[in-house]
Amino acid sequence: MTSPMTRRSAGALIAALATPALAQESSPVRVIIPQPPGGATDILARLIAEPLSRELGRPVIVENRPGANGIVSINALKGSRPDGGAMLLGGVSIFSFNPNLYPNLPYDPWRDFTWIAPVADTPFVMVAGRRTGITTLPQFIERARAEPERLTFGSAGIGNSTHLAMEMIAERAQIRLTHVPFAGSAAAITSIIAGDTDSMVNPLGSTLPMIQGGGVVPLATLGRERSPALPDVPTLREAGLADVTMPGWYAFVGPAGMPAQVVERLNGAIRAVVDNPAVTQRLRDAVLEPVSGSAADIQQRARSESEMIGAFIRRRGIKVE
């Protein structure tokens, strides 16, 4: 005859087998970042790491894994258990741009990840160097038309948001520019300040100190409305260029195969952090717009923008060798 204790032990074993494995509640949650310290994604991760730790009741550790346009960080994530102990915080380029740029990309954004939650959007600004003498977008376009390919623009690398946004502007304005890719946006903006390159589209948050310090001249912002951080700078539409948009969102993903209840718990914690008024203000102080939503919301947006940017990349013949 089976004892009550034996029956309870068997019941506990069955329940354990039926419940997906979760990371130990006391163990840290790793947030993997595809950029070195100081990059836009790293700044965002560190802004929300502490409040997310409080929400989860577990330590949250930011782990920088830069290299190969995000592939190093993705490989680190793919090697992690799908138990909520590791997430990757990445930007739109990893999920929606890279699949359209690399013919042999070693990951599939729809198969190799579990989508968890959006976090924030970043606005972009187009700037020119002081030495160009250009102070408005119409002046920039006029000079580019008068001297095709004479004006240069820097970027954080081929296929990066900073590259594609400027290609979109050139296409819309019907001008020809010369692209100068750099290993990161910091090097590109430094080149403009030094007068070695002429212009750039860059995230507003990291460019604002250079604008305020007089190192570069803002020509236009890429949002639908003027930025509160630069209320006197027109949007592209106000400056005469319509239909130029550059997505700049960030989102959390996990390894493939994460159980639904783990995703729901992480999504709920991230949404609580993003919706917290104190965190919202900290993000806006960093010129980031908080985005709260479901896993399905951000996955659908990623697919839609992948289709949009893919059509543009093919039309412009942009390739990464």
Foldseek 3Di string as FASTA:
>chain_A
DDDPVNVVVVVVVVVVVVDDDADPLAEEAEEEEQDDPPDPQNVLCVLQQVLLCVLSVYHYHYHYQHDDQSPRSLVVQQPDDLRRRYKYKDKLLVQQFVVLFDPPDPDHNVAWWQFFWWWWWFWKFKWWFVVVVDAAPVVVLVVQVVPAQPAEAEDCAFRDLFVLLVVLVCVQSVGHYHYDYDNGVVVRLVCRLVVNHTMIMDGCLVCVVCCVVVSIHTHAIADPADDPSCNPHHHVVVRPGPDRHGTIIIGMIGGPPRDPVSSVSSLVSSLVSLPPVVSQVVCVVSRIHTDRDGSVVVVVVSVVSSVVVSVVCVVVVGHDD
